[in-house]
Amino acid sequence: MSKAPNNNWWRGGVIYQIYPRSFADSNSDGVGDLPGIAAKLDHVAQLGADAIWLSPIFKSPMKDFGYDVSDYCDIDPLFGTLDDFRTLVQTAHAKGLKVVIDQVLSHTSDQHPWFVESRASRDNPKADWYVWADALPDGNPPNNWLSVFGGSSWQWDTRRKQYYLHNFLASQPDLNFHNPEVVDAILGTVKFWLEMGVDGYRLDTTPFYFHDQKLRSNPPRDNTVAADPALSDANPYGWQRHIYDKERPENLGFLKQLRELLDQYPDTTMVGEIGTDDSIATMAEYTSGGDKLHMAYSFDLLGKDCSAPYLHGLMQKFADKSNGGWPSWALANHDVERVGSRWGGPERNLQMLRLAAVFQMCLRGSPCLYQGDELGLPEAEVAFEDLQDPYGITMWPEFKGRDGCRTPMPWNSQAADIGFGDGQTPAWLPFTEAYRPLAVDLQDQDANSHLNFYRQLLQWRRTKPALIHGEQILLPVHPQVMAFVREHEGQRILCAFNFSDQVASLHLSDALVPTHTLPVPGLTGGCLSANTLAFEPFGGLLVQLL
């Protein structure tokens, strides 16, 4: 079958992630929903984004808030109906926004009809649709694999008298992708939403589709393998090298099947979530060749390290391994502490946050923003008794979970519930009083606000083709300054960022001939003198080169 045309809107396009529960509540039940999102799409369009990514909206018992799917082809009533979804897609498209939805393919809810049938016996038609294994002679699980959310990734089932695999919650059993019937069924669910008009997919837990059929135990992690920056050091999951429970070679074949399906629909895309022992290398592998993922992102920019040498190392590794692959760079999402606190610090250093934002928009790749980034929101403080996240409840107090980045979006500084709904207290997570002075209505009226900085930055970026389409050439590593050149059709722009709280300077080689600095909204603290760039703390410069 011939490929449908693809206008490559995603190459350099800005994606805006919406966490539906926390965006806007239209029906006063205390939880965000699809009509609420549709009513707020002007905010996203005015920001200058190209697409929205919706975290899961499928039917679910909500043990992991939608990442435990019980019906891949229906909307959970909490969020609305299929008609509400159709309306949302139409509304977004009318405003020039693409719609990307979250697909959780590696596992389902234990309430999914597939699993209900699979666990009923060892010889039913779906008996092999999930990963089942006998106990060891002493009754222990078949190997040492761990759940990301704590404890063994094997759960005993008394009906089959076997263990089943769950890489996350015990209520999220893993599908058996070694079974061709499972793959066909999953591809059918993907096609369902393509026919509904979605423009692409964010693929949750992409490396987890396949497991080692021999069920070999993972070795311990040694000092040669870096820990996942998104994992708390209190989580023993990071103590293993995950060789056998994920990132298996069969994943590549499945990603090719997914790509073949998407290629039948015009202007579609896929972005994969990558969390592995060497995520940058996996990103490169999964996006290379033009026959797998269109793009991928990892957690490497979602930790606390934002030093110039660290950032340079990430970009160098991807460049060395990518073979033309395309990254998506995110500084925040629904799984990690908000960048407003993680990089901005306890005082919410706006100069640092604006430097980081310009840096993100200058990188080769597709930037992904998380709702509230544009407001500079800090991490919310959520009391233990208000926690909803099972991950945080299990790992408390060393890891407080993900609720602090998921509290309701502040729309109206004067409203009792900061404009999230109809003024009532949200039933999902409490709103955060610290967000009241950062609400959209106040920032909209302030020309110097973080929101208006983002609007100007995204509009400015559209005028610089080199920053959207250009190749990226790294300058030598520097202890304070992350610097690179973006080049496209004769336009060469030097991008340089001082990620330190001290003054810094960068001398340019004779091969880099500056002509003038480029004014960038919100980027300050740098100057050009002859062939030397001088930076104030957290200062940055963009320079036009010959």
Protein backbone atom coordinates (compact mmCIF):
# COMPACT_ATOMS: atom_id res chain seq x y z
CA MET A 1 0.00 0.00 0.00
CA SER A 2 1.36 3.43 -0.93
CA LYS A 3 2.05 5.98 1.76
CA ALA A 4 -0.28 8.87 2.38
CA PRO A 5 1.30 12.33 2.08
CA ASN A 6 2.84 13.82 5.20
CA ASN A 7 3.51 17.55 5.48
CA ASN A 8 5.93 16.99 8.40
CA TRP A 9 4.17 19.54 10.60
CA TRP A 10 5.63 17.69 13.59
CA ARG A 11 9.25 18.39 12.61
CA GLY A 12 9.88 21.39 14.82
CA GLY A 13 6.23 21.78 15.77
CA VAL A 14 5.45 22.80 19.35
CA ILE A 15 3.32 20.28 21.26
CA TYR A 16 1.33 21.35 24.33
CA GLN A 17 0.52 18.58 26.80
CA ILE A 18 -2.86 18.69 28.52
CA TYR A 19 -3.55 16.59 31.61
CA PRO A 20 -7.35 16.42 31.19
CA ARG A 21 -8.23 15.91 34.87
CA SER A 22 -6.53 19.18 35.80
CA PHE A 23 -7.13 21.49 32.85
CA ALA A 24 -10.74 22.70 33.01
CA ASP A 25 -13.97 21.33 34.49
CA SER A 26 -17.14 22.08 32.49
CA ASN A 27 -19.76 20.10 34.45
CA SER A 28 -18.99 20.94 38.08
CA ASP A 29 -18.00 17.42 39.12
CA GLY A 30 -14.57 18.58 40.27
CA VAL A 31 -12.65 16.84 37.46
CA GLY A 32 -11.49 18.28 34.14
CA ASP A 33 -13.12 17.01 30.97
CA LEU A 34 -13.21 17.23 27.17
CA PRO A 35 -15.74 20.10 26.91
CA GLY A 36 -13.59 21.98 29.42
CA ILE A 37 -10.54 21.50 27.20
CA ALA A 38 -12.46 22.58 24.08
CA ALA A 39 -13.52 25.77 25.84
CA LYS A 40 -9.91 26.66 26.63
CA LEU A 41 -8.28 25.92 23.27
CA ASP A 42 -7.99 29.63 22.46
CA HIS A 43 -5.39 29.81 25.22
CA VAL A 44 -3.29 27.13 23.50
CA ALA A 45 -3.75 28.62 20.05
CA GLN A 46 -2.81 32.11 21.25
CA LEU A 47 0.27 30.67 22.89
CA GLY A 48 1.50 29.60 19.46
CA ALA A 49 1.50 25.82 19.86
CA ASP A 50 0.99 23.54 16.87
CA ALA A 51 -0.64 20.58 18.60
CA ILE A 52 -2.19 19.40 21.83
CA TRP A 53 -1.33 16.07 23.44
CA LEU A 54 -4.07 14.66 25.64
CA SER A 55 -3.10 12.33 28.47
CA PRO A 56 -5.40 9.24 28.50
CA ILE A 57 -9.13 9.78 28.17
CA PHE A 58 -10.19 6.17 27.58
CA LYS A 59 -12.48 4.14 29.81
CA SER A 60 -10.62 3.21 32.96
CA PRO A 61 -11.13 2.36 36.63
CA MET A 62 -8.61 5.18 37.19
CA LYS A 63 -6.25 3.30 39.49
CA ASP A 64 -3.49 5.12 37.60
CA PHE A 65 -5.73 7.90 36.29
CA GLY A 66 -6.29 6.62 32.78
CA TYR A 67 -3.01 4.80 32.25
CA ASP A 68 -4.95 1.64 33.12
CA VAL A 69 -7.29 1.23 30.14
CA SER A 70 -10.39 -0.95 30.32
CA ASP A 71 -11.72 -0.04 26.85
CA TYR A 72 -9.40 1.31 24.16
CA CYS A 73 -12.26 2.44 21.93
CA ASP A 74 -14.42 4.55 24.22
CA ILE A 75 -14.15 7.72 26.29
CA ASP A 76 -14.42 7.46 30.06
CA PRO A 77 -17.67 9.12 31.23
CA LEU A 78 -15.58 11.20 33.61
CA PHE A 79 -14.26 13.08 30.56
CA GLY A 80 -17.32 12.99 28.33
CA THR A 81 -18.46 11.02 25.30
CA LEU A 82 -17.23 10.06 21.86
CA ASP A 83 -19.29 12.97 20.51
CA ASP A 84 -17.48 15.29 22.92
CA PHE A 85 -14.20 13.97 21.53
CA ARG A 86 -15.34 14.54 17.94
CA THR A 87 -16.28 18.10 18.87
CA LEU A 88 -12.90 18.64 20.51
CA VAL A 89 -11.05 17.45 17.40
CA GLN A 90 -13.17 19.68 15.15
CA THR A 91 -12.67 22.68 17.45
CA ALA A 92 -8.91 22.12 17.62
CA HIS A 93 -8.58 21.76 13.87
CA ALA A 94 -10.60 24.93 13.32
CA LYS A 95 -8.08 26.77 15.49
CA GLY A 96 -5.10 25.32 13.61
CA LEU A 97 -4.20 22.79 16.31
CA LYS A 98 -3.39 19.13 15.71
CA VAL A 99 -4.65 16.53 18.21
CA VAL A 100 -2.28 13.88 19.58
CA ILE A 101 -3.67 11.30 22.01
CA ASP A 102 -1.95 9.11 24.56
CA GLN A 103 -1.89 5.41 23.64
CA VAL A 104 -1.11 3.02 26.50
CA LEU A 105 -0.35 -0.14 24.58
CA SER A 106 2.01 -2.12 26.79
CA HIS A 107 -0.56 -2.93 29.48
CA THR A 108 -4.27 -2.69 30.25
CA SER A 109 -6.40 -2.47 33.36
CA ASP A 110 -7.12 -5.72 35.15
CA GLN A 111 -10.76 -4.83 34.45
CA HIS A 112 -10.27 -4.93 30.68
CA PRO A 113 -12.41 -7.76 29.20
CA TRP A 114 -9.27 -9.24 27.66
CA PHE A 115 -7.69 -9.75 31.06
CA VAL A 116 -10.91 -10.89 32.71
CA GLU A 117 -11.05 -13.69 30.14
CA SER A 118 -7.30 -14.39 30.25
CA ARG A 119 -7.21 -14.94 34.02
CA ALA A 120 -10.29 -17.20 34.03
CA SER A 121 -8.35 -20.33 33.00
CA ARG A 122 -5.18 -21.56 31.34
CA ASP A 123 -6.95 -22.76 28.20
CA ASN A 124 -9.38 -20.01 27.18
CA PRO A 125 -8.99 -18.15 23.84
CA LYS A 126 -7.16 -15.26 25.53
CA ALA A 127 -5.14 -17.33 28.00
CA ASP A 128 -1.90 -16.25 26.32
CA TRP A 129 -2.82 -12.59 25.78
CA TYR A 130 -0.97 -11.55 28.95
CA VAL A 131 2.38 -12.60 30.44
CA TRP A 132 1.78 -15.56 32.74
CA ALA A 133 4.43 -17.67 34.48
CA ASP A 134 4.60 -20.50 36.99
CA ALA A 135 6.03 -19.93 40.44
CA LEU A 136 9.47 -21.18 41.34
CA PRO A 137 9.49 -24.42 43.38
CA ASP A 138 9.62 -22.38 46.59
CA GLY A 139 6.61 -20.30 45.55
CA ASN A 140 8.57 -17.16 44.65
CA PRO A 141 8.03 -15.22 41.40
CA PRO A 142 9.84 -16.55 38.31
CA ASN A 143 12.59 -13.90 38.38
CA ASN A 144 13.79 -10.66 39.99
CA TRP A 145 11.96 -8.16 37.78
CA LEU A 146 10.68 -5.12 39.65
CA SER A 147 7.71 -2.82 39.21
CA VAL A 148 8.45 0.85 38.60
CA PHE A 149 5.90 1.60 41.32
CA GLY A 150 7.56 -0.63 43.93
CA GLY A 151 8.00 -4.31 44.75
CA SER A 152 8.02 -7.31 42.45
CA SER A 153 6.53 -6.92 38.96
CA TRP A 154 4.83 -10.30 39.41
CA GLN A 155 1.39 -10.68 40.99
CA TRP A 156 0.02 -14.07 42.09
CA ASP A 157 -3.39 -15.00 40.68
CA THR A 158 -5.33 -17.69 42.55
CA ARG A 159 -7.54 -18.66 39.61
CA ARG A 160 -4.74 -19.72 37.30
CA LYS A 161 -2.32 -20.42 40.14
CA GLN A 162 0.29 -18.47 38.22
CA TYR A 163 1.97 -15.10 38.36
CA TYR A 164 1.21 -12.36 35.83
CA LEU A 165 3.58 -9.56 34.87
CA HIS A 166 2.87 -5.92 35.71
CA ASN A 167 5.63 -3.37 35.17
CA PHE A 168 3.58 -0.75 37.01
CA LEU A 169 0.59 -1.31 39.33
CA ALA A 170 -0.65 -4.84 40.00
CA SER A 171 -3.91 -3.62 38.43
CA GLN A 172 -2.01 -2.94 35.16
CA PRO A 173 -1.18 -6.39 33.71
CA ASP A 174 1.22 -6.45 30.76
CA LEU A 175 0.03 -7.66 27.38
CA ASN A 176 1.94 -10.46 25.68
CA PHE A 177 3.19 -8.90 22.45
CA HIS A 178 4.77 -12.22 21.45
CA ASN A 179 1.21 -13.30 20.61
CA PRO A 180 0.29 -12.11 17.06
CA GLU A 181 -3.39 -11.91 18.04
CA VAL A 182 -2.51 -9.30 20.66
CA VAL A 183 -0.57 -7.23 18.13
CA ASP A 184 -3.47 -7.36 15.66
CA ALA A 185 -5.95 -6.32 18.35
CA ILE A 186 -3.76 -3.43 19.48
CA LEU A 187 -3.25 -2.20 15.91
CA GLY A 188 -7.03 -2.29 15.52
CA THR A 189 -7.46 0.08 18.46
CA VAL A 190 -4.88 2.45 16.99
CA LYS A 191 -6.72 2.45 13.67
CA PHE A 192 -10.01 3.25 15.45
CA TRP A 193 -8.76 6.66 16.56
CA LEU A 194 -7.04 7.39 13.26
CA GLU A 195 -10.44 6.95 11.64
CA MET A 196 -11.80 9.39 14.24
CA GLY A 197 -9.45 12.03 12.90
CA VAL A 198 -6.59 12.18 15.40
CA ASP A 199 -3.32 13.54 14.06
CA GLY A 200 -0.98 11.35 16.03
CA TYR A 201 -0.05 9.44 19.13
CA ARG A 202 2.10 9.84 22.19
CA LEU A 203 3.09 6.26 22.96
CA ASP A 204 3.33 5.53 26.67
CA THR A 205 6.15 3.27 27.95
CA THR A 206 7.37 2.46 24.43
CA PRO A 207 10.28 0.19 25.44
CA PHE A 208 7.97 -2.09 27.48
CA TYR A 209 6.04 -3.83 24.71
CA PHE A 210 8.08 -7.03 24.63
CA HIS A 211 9.67 -9.10 27.40
CA ASP A 212 12.31 -11.81 27.37
CA GLN A 213 10.48 -15.07 26.73
CA LYS A 214 13.05 -17.00 28.77
CA LEU A 215 12.22 -14.76 31.76
CA ARG A 216 15.87 -14.26 32.65
CA SER A 217 16.61 -12.15 35.72
CA ASN A 218 18.08 -8.68 35.30
CA PRO A 219 21.66 -8.05 36.49
CA PRO A 220 22.38 -5.31 39.04
CA ARG A 221 23.20 -1.85 37.74
CA ASP A 222 26.86 -0.94 38.05
CA ASN A 223 28.65 2.40 37.83
CA THR A 224 28.97 2.14 34.04
CA VAL A 225 25.22 2.65 33.62
CA ALA A 226 23.64 5.93 34.70
CA ALA A 227 20.44 5.84 36.71
CA ASP A 228 17.22 7.12 35.16
CA PRO A 229 17.11 10.83 36.14
CA ALA A 230 13.36 10.63 36.73
CA LEU A 231 13.68 7.91 39.37
CA SER A 232 14.03 8.66 43.07
CA ASP A 233 17.11 7.07 44.63
CA ALA A 234 14.67 5.57 47.12
CA ASN A 235 13.23 3.39 44.36
CA PRO A 236 15.07 0.04 43.98
CA TYR A 237 13.83 -0.20 40.38
CA GLY A 238 16.87 1.88 39.46
CA TRP A 239 19.22 -0.67 41.02
CA GLN A 240 18.81 -3.08 38.12
CA ARG A 241 19.96 -3.03 34.51
CA HIS A 242 16.72 -3.59 32.67
CA ILE A 243 18.00 -5.91 29.98
CA TYR A 244 15.27 -8.53 29.95
CA ASP A 245 12.04 -6.84 31.07
CA LYS A 246 12.04 -4.09 28.42
CA GLU A 247 13.80 -2.68 25.33
CA ARG A 248 13.84 -6.09 23.71
CA PRO A 249 14.88 -6.31 20.01
CA GLU A 250 11.35 -7.37 19.00
CA ASN A 251 10.16 -3.84 19.84
CA LEU A 252 11.64 -2.58 16.57
CA GLY A 253 9.45 -4.87 14.48
CA PHE A 254 6.30 -3.72 16.27
CA LEU A 255 7.22 -0.06 15.86
CA LYS A 256 7.59 -0.69 12.12
CA GLN A 257 4.09 -2.18 12.04
CA LEU A 258 2.76 0.89 13.84
CA ARG A 259 4.54 3.19 11.39
CA GLU A 260 3.12 1.29 8.41
CA LEU A 261 -0.37 1.86 9.82
CA LEU A 262 0.12 5.56 10.48
CA ASP A 263 1.67 6.05 7.06
CA GLN A 264 -1.73 5.19 5.57
CA TYR A 265 -3.16 8.40 7.07
CA PRO A 266 -2.02 11.85 5.92
CA ASP A 267 -0.01 14.20 8.12
CA THR A 268 0.11 11.90 11.17
CA THR A 269 2.90 11.37 13.68
CA MET A 270 4.06 9.32 16.69
CA VAL A 271 6.19 10.41 19.62
CA GLY A 272 7.42 7.67 21.95
CA GLU A 273 8.16 7.95 25.66
CA ILE A 274 11.57 6.40 26.31
CA GLY A 275 12.74 5.38 29.77
CA THR A 276 15.65 2.94 29.56
CA ASP A 277 19.16 2.46 30.92
CA ASP A 278 20.50 4.50 27.98
CA SER A 279 17.49 6.52 26.89
CA ILE A 280 19.33 8.77 24.42
CA ALA A 281 20.67 5.74 22.53
CA THR A 282 17.20 4.17 22.53
CA MET A 283 15.65 7.41 21.27
CA ALA A 284 18.15 7.42 18.44
CA GLU A 285 17.50 3.77 17.56
CA TYR A 286 13.70 4.05 17.69
CA THR A 287 13.61 7.16 15.45
CA SER A 288 16.26 6.18 12.89
CA GLY A 289 15.60 5.02 9.36
CA GLY A 290 12.25 6.73 8.80
CA ASP A 291 10.35 3.48 9.42
CA LYS A 292 9.65 3.48 13.17
CA LEU A 293 8.77 6.39 15.47
CA HIS A 294 8.67 9.86 13.94
CA MET A 295 10.16 11.23 17.15
CA ALA A 296 10.85 10.29 20.76
CA TYR A 297 11.58 11.92 24.12
CA SER A 298 13.32 10.70 27.24
CA PHE A 299 13.54 11.74 30.89
CA ASP A 300 17.09 13.06 30.50
CA LEU A 301 15.90 16.69 30.58
CA LEU A 302 13.35 15.92 33.28
CA GLY A 303 15.83 15.58 36.14
CA LYS A 304 17.53 18.27 38.20
CA ASP A 305 20.82 18.45 36.30
CA CYS A 306 20.82 21.43 33.96
CA SER A 307 24.54 22.13 33.85
CA ALA A 308 26.14 22.98 30.51
CA PRO A 309 28.40 19.88 30.43
CA TYR A 310 25.45 17.60 31.14
CA LEU A 311 23.30 19.19 28.43
CA HIS A 312 26.17 19.10 25.97
CA GLY A 313 26.71 15.41 26.69
CA LEU A 314 23.06 14.59 25.96
CA MET A 315 23.06 16.44 22.66
CA GLN A 316 26.41 14.97 21.66
CA LYS A 317 25.26 11.43 22.37
CA PHE A 318 22.06 11.87 20.36
CA ALA A 319 23.98 13.41 17.47
CA ASP A 320 26.48 10.56 17.49
CA LYS A 321 23.83 7.85 17.48
CA SER A 322 20.76 9.35 15.83
CA ASN A 323 21.39 8.55 12.14
CA GLY A 324 18.90 11.25 11.18
CA GLY A 325 16.42 10.50 13.97
CA TRP A 326 14.25 13.29 15.31
CA PRO A 327 13.94 14.08 19.04
CA SER A 328 11.22 15.78 21.02
CA TRP A 329 12.64 17.73 23.94
CA ALA A 330 10.48 18.23 27.05
CA LEU A 331 11.49 20.07 30.22
CA ALA A 332 8.36 18.99 32.10
CA ASN A 333 5.42 16.61 32.00
CA HIS A 334 2.84 14.94 34.24
CA ASP A 335 5.38 12.49 35.72
CA VAL A 336 8.00 14.80 37.22
CA GLU A 337 8.40 17.83 39.48
CA ARG A 338 7.50 21.02 37.66
CA VAL A 339 10.39 22.73 35.92
CA GLY A 340 9.40 25.94 37.72
CA SER A 341 10.83 24.39 40.89
CA ARG A 342 13.16 21.73 39.51
CA TRP A 343 15.24 24.19 37.48
CA GLY A 344 13.85 27.49 38.76
CA GLY A 345 14.72 26.64 42.35
CA PRO A 346 12.82 27.50 45.53
CA GLU A 347 12.75 31.18 44.57
CA ARG A 348 11.35 30.41 41.08
CA ASN A 349 14.17 32.17 39.23
CA LEU A 350 12.38 33.55 36.17
CA GLN A 351 15.61 34.46 34.41
CA MET A 352 16.68 30.83 34.61
CA LEU A 353 13.27 29.61 33.45
CA ARG A 354 13.28 31.96 30.49
CA LEU A 355 16.82 30.92 29.57
CA ALA A 356 15.67 27.28 29.68
CA ALA A 357 12.63 28.05 27.54
CA VAL A 358 14.68 29.76 24.83
CA PHE A 359 17.18 26.89 24.98
CA GLN A 360 14.36 24.39 24.46
CA MET A 361 12.98 26.36 21.51
CA CYS A 362 16.40 26.56 19.87
CA LEU A 363 17.23 22.84 20.00
CA ARG A 364 16.94 20.64 16.94
CA GLY A 365 13.74 18.75 17.57
CA SER A 366 10.11 19.29 18.53
CA PRO A 367 9.55 21.10 21.84
CA CYS A 368 6.89 19.71 24.16
CA LEU A 369 5.39 22.01 26.80
CA TYR A 370 3.39 20.90 29.82
CA GLN A 371 0.31 22.86 30.87
CA GLY A 372 1.42 25.61 33.22
CA ASP A 373 4.99 25.84 31.90
CA GLU A 374 3.89 29.02 30.18
CA LEU A 375 2.83 30.43 33.55
CA GLY A 376 6.05 29.48 35.32
CA LEU A 377 4.13 27.38 37.83
CA PRO A 378 6.19 25.91 40.68
CA GLU A 379 5.58 22.44 42.09
CA ALA A 380 2.47 22.41 44.26
CA GLU A 381 2.64 21.26 47.85
CA VAL A 382 0.13 18.44 48.38
CA ALA A 383 -0.51 17.12 51.88
CA PHE A 384 -0.18 13.38 52.39
CA GLU A 385 -3.90 13.05 53.16
CA ASP A 386 -4.70 14.67 49.78
CA LEU A 387 -2.40 12.46 47.69
CA GLN A 388 -4.01 10.55 44.84
CA ASP A 389 -0.96 9.10 43.10
CA PRO A 390 -0.40 5.46 44.15
CA TYR A 391 3.28 5.81 43.23
CA GLY A 392 3.71 8.67 45.72
CA ILE A 393 1.66 6.99 48.44
CA THR A 394 3.89 3.90 48.17
CA MET A 395 7.18 5.84 48.10
CA TRP A 396 6.31 8.51 50.71
CA PRO A 397 8.07 10.42 52.25
CA GLU A 398 11.30 10.30 50.23
CA PHE A 399 9.32 10.55 47.00
CA LYS A 400 6.06 12.44 47.14
CA GLY A 401 4.73 11.22 43.82
CA ARG A 402 3.42 13.12 40.84
CA ASP A 403 0.44 14.97 42.29
CA GLY A 404 2.44 18.17 42.79
CA CYS A 405 2.58 18.77 39.04
CA ARG A 406 -1.03 17.72 38.44
CA THR A 407 -3.06 20.16 40.55
CA PRO A 408 -5.70 22.27 38.76
CA MET A 409 -4.68 24.88 36.21
CA PRO A 410 -5.16 28.49 37.46
CA TRP A 411 -7.36 30.43 35.04
CA ASN A 412 -8.96 33.14 37.17
CA SER A 413 -7.20 34.75 40.12
CA GLN A 414 -10.48 35.93 41.68
CA ALA A 415 -12.46 32.70 41.45
CA ALA A 416 -12.74 30.55 44.56
CA ASP A 417 -11.25 27.55 42.72
CA ILE A 418 -8.86 29.70 40.59
CA GLY A 419 -11.20 29.27 37.62
CA PHE A 420 -10.83 25.51 37.22
CA GLY A 421 -14.60 24.92 37.40
CA ASP A 422 -17.64 26.62 38.83
CA GLY A 423 -16.07 27.82 42.05
CA GLN A 424 -16.45 24.59 43.98
CA THR A 425 -13.49 22.79 45.51
CA PRO A 426 -12.11 20.30 42.95
CA ALA A 427 -12.86 16.68 43.82
CA TRP A 428 -9.70 15.47 42.16
CA LEU A 429 -6.80 17.38 43.72
CA PRO A 430 -6.98 20.59 45.74
CA PHE A 431 -6.16 23.78 43.89
CA THR A 432 -3.00 25.59 44.94
CA GLU A 433 -3.30 29.03 46.52
CA ALA A 434 0.28 29.81 45.46
CA TYR A 435 -0.96 29.72 41.86
CA ARG A 436 -3.50 32.51 42.36
CA PRO A 437 -1.12 35.41 41.51
CA LEU A 438 0.13 33.39 38.51
CA ALA A 439 -3.33 32.82 37.00
CA VAL A 440 -3.90 33.26 33.27
CA ASP A 441 -6.17 36.30 33.66
CA LEU A 442 -3.51 38.29 35.53
CA GLN A 443 -0.63 37.25 33.28
CA ASP A 444 -2.67 37.96 30.17
CA GLN A 445 -2.91 41.63 31.17
CA ASP A 446 0.77 42.01 32.12
CA ALA A 447 3.00 42.65 29.11
CA ASN A 448 6.04 41.44 31.05
CA SER A 449 4.48 38.25 32.38
CA HIS A 450 5.86 34.78 31.81
CA LEU A 451 2.80 33.94 29.73
CA ASN A 452 3.37 36.84 27.36
CA PHE A 453 7.07 35.98 27.24
CA TYR A 454 6.12 32.50 25.99
CA ARG A 455 3.66 33.88 23.44
CA GLN A 456 6.30 36.22 22.03
CA LEU A 457 8.95 33.50 22.08
CA LEU A 458 6.88 31.00 20.10
CA GLN A 459 5.83 33.62 17.56
CA TRP A 460 9.44 34.82 17.22
CA ARG A 461 10.65 31.25 16.65
CA ARG A 462 8.33 30.91 13.66
CA THR A 463 10.33 33.64 11.92
CA LYS A 464 13.61 31.69 12.19
CA PRO A 465 13.56 28.66 9.85
CA ALA A 466 17.01 27.61 11.05
CA LEU A 467 15.59 26.99 14.54
CA ILE A 468 12.79 24.81 13.18
CA HIS A 469 14.41 22.91 10.33
CA GLY A 470 18.15 23.46 10.69
CA GLU A 471 20.94 21.07 11.48
CA GLN A 472 22.63 21.42 14.87
CA ILE A 473 26.40 21.67 15.31
CA LEU A 474 27.67 21.66 18.88
CA LEU A 475 30.51 23.91 19.98
CA PRO A 476 33.12 22.34 22.28
CA VAL A 477 31.96 21.55 25.79
CA HIS A 478 32.24 24.48 28.20
CA PRO A 479 31.94 24.38 32.02
CA GLN A 480 29.20 27.03 32.05
CA VAL A 481 27.95 27.72 28.54
CA MET A 482 25.92 25.38 26.34
CA ALA A 483 26.44 26.55 22.75
CA PHE A 484 25.55 25.28 19.29
CA VAL A 485 24.91 26.50 15.76
CA ARG A 486 21.65 25.95 13.88
CA GLU A 487 21.99 26.14 10.11
CA HIS A 488 19.39 26.01 7.33
CA GLU A 489 19.54 27.22 3.73
CA GLY A 490 22.35 29.66 4.42
CA GLN A 491 20.99 30.97 7.72
CA ARG A 492 23.42 30.31 10.58
CA ILE A 493 22.48 31.16 14.16
CA LEU A 494 24.75 30.68 17.15
CA CYS A 495 22.76 29.83 20.29
CA ALA A 496 24.63 30.20 23.59
CA PHE A 497 23.29 29.83 27.14
CA ASN A 498 25.04 30.33 30.46
CA PHE A 499 23.48 27.68 32.72
CA SER A 500 25.33 28.90 35.79
CA ASP A 501 24.85 31.51 38.50
CA GLN A 502 28.26 33.05 37.71
CA VAL A 503 29.45 35.33 34.92
CA ALA A 504 30.94 33.51 31.93
CA SER A 505 32.65 34.16 28.61
CA LEU A 506 32.96 32.21 25.37
CA HIS A 507 35.59 32.92 22.73
CA LEU A 508 34.57 31.99 19.20
CA SER A 509 36.90 30.23 16.77
CA ASP A 510 37.88 31.94 13.53
CA ALA A 511 35.41 29.69 11.69
CA LEU A 512 32.54 31.45 13.44
CA VAL A 513 32.23 35.02 12.23
CA PRO A 514 29.50 36.94 14.07
CA THR A 515 27.67 39.78 12.36
CA HIS A 516 25.17 40.89 15.01
CA THR A 517 23.13 39.67 17.95
CA LEU A 518 19.51 38.69 17.47
CA PRO A 519 16.97 40.17 19.89
CA VAL A 520 15.03 37.34 21.52
CA PRO A 521 11.97 37.93 23.70
CA GLY A 522 12.91 37.45 27.33
CA LEU A 523 16.54 36.50 26.69
CA THR A 524 18.92 38.86 28.48
CA GLY A 525 22.29 38.93 30.18
CA GLY A 526 24.72 38.64 27.29
CA CYS A 527 26.76 40.81 24.95
CA LEU A 528 29.04 40.35 21.93
CA SER A 529 32.44 42.04 21.64
CA ALA A 530 34.52 41.12 18.61
CA ASN A 531 34.74 37.30 18.79
CA THR A 532 33.92 36.97 22.47
CA LEU A 533 30.55 36.44 24.10
CA ALA A 534 30.14 37.64 27.68
CA PHE A 535 27.31 36.43 29.91
CA GLU A 536 25.77 37.47 33.16
CA PRO A 537 24.51 34.66 35.42
CA PHE A 538 21.79 32.75 33.54
CA GLY A 539 22.36 34.98 30.53
CA GLY A 540 22.02 34.00 26.91
CA LEU A 541 22.75 35.20 23.39
CA LEU A 542 21.69 34.37 19.86
CA VAL A 543 24.14 35.59 17.23
CA GLN A 544 23.81 35.77 13.46
CA LEU A 545 26.85 34.25 11.74
CA LEU A 546 28.25 34.75 8.27
